[in-house]
Amino acid sequence: MIGIVDYGMGNLFSVSKALERIGVPYIISDKKEQLEKTDGLILPGVGAFRDAMKLLDETNLSDFIKEQAHAGKPILGICLGMQLLFDESEENGVFSGLGLLKGKAVKFSGESNGERYKVPHMGWNKLKFHQDSPLTADVEADHVYFVHSYYVSGEESDALIASSDYYEEVPAVVGKGNVFGMQFHPEKSGDLGMALLKNYTQYVQNTEVEV
């Protein structure tokens, strides 16, 4: 059973429908006692980092997610949800994240070699795999769908599973231990996105957690 964390800023419908398509049971909840009974958590997110962390802190879900991660429960952050896994973000000031992965979210500069480029980064870009991961097992690198104005910088090299190029190297899939993130929307990324999401759920099924 996958728990989709509902803290008021997630794209819950599309993520839940994706899990339905691959036949994985799930619940959507903001209640710790319900989420605690799940085998893995998905942290979706759309919007501003500061607002998201404020909501997570106010509901005590931030401490809960950290406790679950430290206990070994698989965690997957999607889009903003991935950025929340890191130390901090520079969006509208400097704000602390969950600190489960090292690095920070910074804004695309919008300029490269004297030329302006579009921000947000919106559209299909190809992944480049850097190392093996349960998420990318038996999957070939292809295009996935991004929508974001901020990207993670300063991540640890052993946490970078896949990147994409949008005038900068953009960490696209990250993971260390039982904590994973996807900067793009796997639920909107066709067959590849669904395969990555399915790999995460299979990793969850194969992971024993004592919490």
Protein backbone atom coordinates (compact mmCIF):
# COMPACT_ATOMS: atom_id res chain seq x y z
CA MET A 1 0.00 0.00 0.00
CA ILE A 2 1.35 3.41 -1.05
CA GLY A 3 0.48 6.50 0.97
CA ILE A 4 0.12 9.74 -1.01
CA VAL A 5 0.80 12.59 1.41
CA ASP A 6 -1.94 15.21 1.21
CA TYR A 7 -0.65 18.48 2.65
CA GLY A 8 -2.68 20.76 0.40
CA MET A 9 -0.24 21.35 -2.48
CA GLY A 10 0.04 18.07 -4.35
CA ASN A 11 -1.20 16.94 -7.74
CA LEU A 12 -3.06 14.14 -6.02
CA PHE A 13 -5.44 13.19 -8.81
CA SER A 14 -2.87 12.48 -11.52
CA VAL A 15 -0.55 10.60 -9.15
CA SER A 16 -3.39 8.45 -7.80
CA LYS A 17 -4.64 7.69 -11.32
CA ALA A 18 -1.13 6.63 -12.33
CA LEU A 19 -1.00 4.18 -9.42
CA GLU A 20 -4.40 2.85 -10.48
CA ARG A 21 -3.08 2.26 -14.01
CA ILE A 22 -0.27 0.07 -12.73
CA GLY A 23 -2.56 -1.72 -10.28
CA VAL A 24 -0.99 -0.49 -7.06
CA PRO A 25 -3.22 0.10 -4.01
CA TYR A 26 -2.92 3.50 -2.34
CA ILE A 27 -4.48 5.91 0.10
CA ILE A 28 -4.51 9.71 0.04
CA SER A 29 -4.28 11.12 3.54
CA ASP A 30 -3.00 13.92 5.74
CA LYS A 31 -3.30 11.78 8.88
CA LYS A 32 -0.11 10.34 10.30
CA GLU A 33 -1.82 7.32 11.83
CA GLN A 34 -3.09 6.28 8.38
CA LEU A 35 0.11 7.05 6.48
CA GLU A 36 2.14 5.18 9.09
CA LYS A 37 0.42 1.92 8.08
CA THR A 38 1.56 2.20 4.45
CA ASP A 39 4.61 0.52 2.94
CA GLY A 40 5.90 3.59 1.11
CA LEU A 41 5.14 7.29 0.79
CA ILE A 42 4.83 9.60 -2.21
CA LEU A 43 5.25 13.32 -1.57
CA PRO A 44 3.82 15.21 -4.56
CA GLY A 45 4.00 18.97 -4.88
CA VAL A 46 2.96 21.89 -7.04
CA GLY A 47 3.64 25.50 -6.07
CA ALA A 48 6.08 27.37 -3.85
CA PHE A 49 8.65 25.70 -1.59
CA ARG A 50 8.04 28.10 1.33
CA ASP A 51 4.29 27.51 1.34
CA ALA A 52 4.73 23.76 1.10
CA MET A 53 7.14 23.58 4.04
CA LYS A 54 4.88 25.84 6.09
CA LEU A 55 1.96 23.46 5.56
CA LEU A 56 4.08 20.40 6.31
CA ASP A 57 5.35 22.02 9.51
CA GLU A 58 1.91 23.18 10.64
CA THR A 59 0.47 19.68 10.25
CA ASN A 60 3.57 18.04 11.81
CA LEU A 61 3.91 16.01 8.62
CA SER A 62 7.48 17.24 8.13
CA ASP A 63 8.66 15.51 11.32
CA PHE A 64 6.58 12.45 10.44
CA ILE A 65 8.13 12.13 6.97
CA LYS A 66 11.63 12.45 8.42
CA GLU A 67 10.87 9.82 11.07
CA GLN A 68 9.50 7.43 8.47
CA ALA A 69 12.50 7.96 6.20
CA HIS A 70 14.98 7.39 9.03
CA ALA A 71 13.10 4.18 9.91
CA GLY A 72 13.72 2.90 6.38
CA LYS A 73 10.36 3.47 4.74
CA PRO A 74 10.74 4.25 1.00
CA ILE A 75 9.95 7.89 0.19
CA LEU A 76 9.44 9.35 -3.30
CA GLY A 77 9.20 13.10 -3.87
CA ILE A 78 7.76 14.33 -7.18
CA CYS A 79 8.47 17.79 -8.69
CA LEU A 80 8.29 20.25 -5.77
CA GLY A 81 8.07 17.16 -3.56
CA MET A 82 11.59 16.21 -4.68
CA GLN A 83 12.96 19.67 -3.85
CA LEU A 84 11.40 19.45 -0.38
CA LEU A 85 13.61 16.43 0.34
CA PHE A 86 16.74 18.60 0.20
CA ASP A 87 18.31 20.98 2.73
CA GLU A 88 16.88 24.26 1.50
CA SER A 89 15.50 26.39 -1.31
CA GLU A 90 16.26 29.92 -2.48
CA GLU A 91 12.70 30.46 -3.70
CA ASN A 92 11.42 33.81 -2.34
CA GLY A 93 14.16 33.80 0.30
CA VAL A 94 16.08 30.97 1.88
CA PHE A 95 13.92 28.31 3.53
CA SER A 96 14.83 24.97 5.09
CA GLY A 97 13.57 21.72 3.61
CA LEU A 98 13.29 18.24 5.08
CA GLY A 99 17.06 17.72 4.93
CA LEU A 100 16.86 14.08 3.86
CA LEU A 101 19.22 14.77 0.93
CA LYS A 102 22.06 17.28 0.68
CA GLY A 103 21.68 20.20 -1.73
CA LYS A 104 19.45 23.18 -2.38
CA ALA A 105 16.93 24.37 -4.94
CA VAL A 106 18.05 27.39 -6.98
CA LYS A 107 16.34 29.29 -9.76
CA PHE A 108 17.23 28.96 -13.42
CA SER A 109 19.15 32.09 -14.34
CA GLY A 110 17.25 32.55 -17.60
CA GLU A 111 20.47 33.45 -19.41
CA SER A 112 23.21 31.35 -20.99
CA ASN A 113 26.21 32.71 -22.90
CA GLY A 114 24.49 36.08 -23.21
CA GLU A 115 21.26 34.62 -24.55
CA ARG A 116 17.96 34.55 -22.70
CA TYR A 117 16.02 31.33 -22.30
CA LYS A 118 12.54 30.53 -21.06
CA VAL A 119 11.80 30.04 -17.37
CA PRO A 120 10.00 27.94 -16.24
CA HIS A 121 11.51 24.92 -17.88
CA MET A 122 8.42 23.36 -19.40
CA GLY A 123 8.37 20.44 -21.80
CA TRP A 124 9.97 17.14 -22.74
CA ASN A 125 13.67 16.52 -22.15
CA LYS A 126 15.74 13.36 -22.37
CA LEU A 127 17.18 11.71 -19.29
CA LYS A 128 20.85 10.79 -18.94
CA PHE A 129 21.51 7.92 -16.53
CA HIS A 130 24.54 8.21 -14.26
CA GLN A 131 24.34 5.11 -12.06
CA ASP A 132 22.23 2.06 -11.38
CA SER A 133 19.19 2.40 -9.17
CA PRO A 134 16.09 0.35 -8.34
CA LEU A 135 14.11 3.14 -10.02
CA THR A 136 15.85 2.76 -13.39
CA ALA A 137 16.15 -1.03 -13.51
CA ASP A 138 15.38 -2.41 -16.98
CA VAL A 139 14.47 1.07 -18.24
CA GLU A 140 16.00 2.87 -21.21
CA ALA A 141 16.64 6.60 -21.03
CA ASP A 142 14.07 8.64 -22.94
CA HIS A 143 12.12 11.88 -22.68
CA VAL A 144 10.08 12.92 -19.63
CA TYR A 145 7.90 15.94 -18.90
CA PHE A 146 9.19 18.83 -16.77
CA VAL A 147 7.50 21.94 -15.37
CA HIS A 148 9.71 23.89 -12.93
CA SER A 149 11.51 27.18 -12.37
CA TYR A 150 13.91 25.86 -9.71
CA TYR A 151 16.32 22.95 -9.83
CA VAL A 152 18.53 21.20 -7.31
CA SER A 153 22.17 22.24 -7.05
CA GLY A 154 24.97 20.94 -4.87
CA GLU A 155 23.61 17.41 -4.63
CA GLU A 156 25.98 14.59 -3.69
CA SER A 157 27.36 12.76 -6.71
CA ASP A 158 26.29 9.37 -5.38
CA ALA A 159 22.70 10.64 -5.09
CA LEU A 160 22.44 11.66 -8.76
CA ILE A 161 20.73 8.84 -10.63
CA ALA A 162 19.73 10.71 -13.80
CA SER A 163 19.94 14.25 -15.12
CA SER A 164 18.60 16.26 -18.01
CA ASP A 165 20.01 19.27 -19.82
CA TYR A 166 18.22 22.60 -19.86
CA TYR A 167 21.06 25.11 -20.20
CA GLU A 168 22.23 23.64 -16.89
CA GLU A 169 22.60 20.06 -15.74
CA VAL A 170 19.27 19.42 -14.05
CA PRO A 171 19.11 16.60 -11.48
CA ALA A 172 16.10 14.65 -12.71
CA VAL A 173 16.15 11.45 -10.63
CA VAL A 174 17.88 11.37 -7.26
CA GLY A 175 18.14 8.76 -4.58
CA LYS A 176 20.11 7.77 -1.53
CA GLY A 177 19.17 4.80 0.60
CA ASN A 178 15.40 4.65 0.74
CA VAL A 179 14.81 8.31 -0.25
CA PHE A 180 14.14 9.11 -3.93
CA GLY A 181 13.01 12.07 -6.00
CA MET A 182 11.91 12.86 -9.54
CA GLN A 183 11.99 16.47 -10.68
CA PHE A 184 9.69 15.74 -13.62
CA HIS A 185 6.15 14.37 -13.50
CA PRO A 186 6.35 10.60 -14.03
CA GLU A 187 2.55 10.41 -14.16
CA LYS A 188 2.61 12.71 -17.21
CA SER A 189 5.69 11.20 -18.88
CA GLY A 190 4.23 8.37 -20.93
CA ASP A 191 5.57 4.83 -20.82
CA LEU A 192 8.93 5.80 -19.30
CA GLY A 193 7.31 7.72 -16.46
CA MET A 194 5.00 4.83 -15.69
CA ALA A 195 7.90 2.37 -15.76
CA LEU A 196 9.86 4.50 -13.28
CA LEU A 197 6.83 4.79 -11.02
CA LYS A 198 6.25 1.04 -11.22
CA ASN A 199 9.90 0.40 -10.32
CA TYR A 200 9.43 2.54 -7.21
CA THR A 201 6.36 0.57 -6.15
CA GLN A 202 8.21 -2.71 -6.71
CA TYR A 203 11.08 -1.40 -4.57
CA VAL A 204 8.50 -0.61 -1.88
CA GLN A 205 7.08 -4.12 -2.07
CA ASN A 206 10.56 -5.62 -1.66
CA THR A 207 11.52 -3.44 1.30
CA GLU A 208 10.80 -4.53 4.85
CA VAL A 209 10.32 -1.66 7.27
CA GLU A 210 9.93 -1.76 11.02
CA VAL A 211 8.19 1.40 12.18
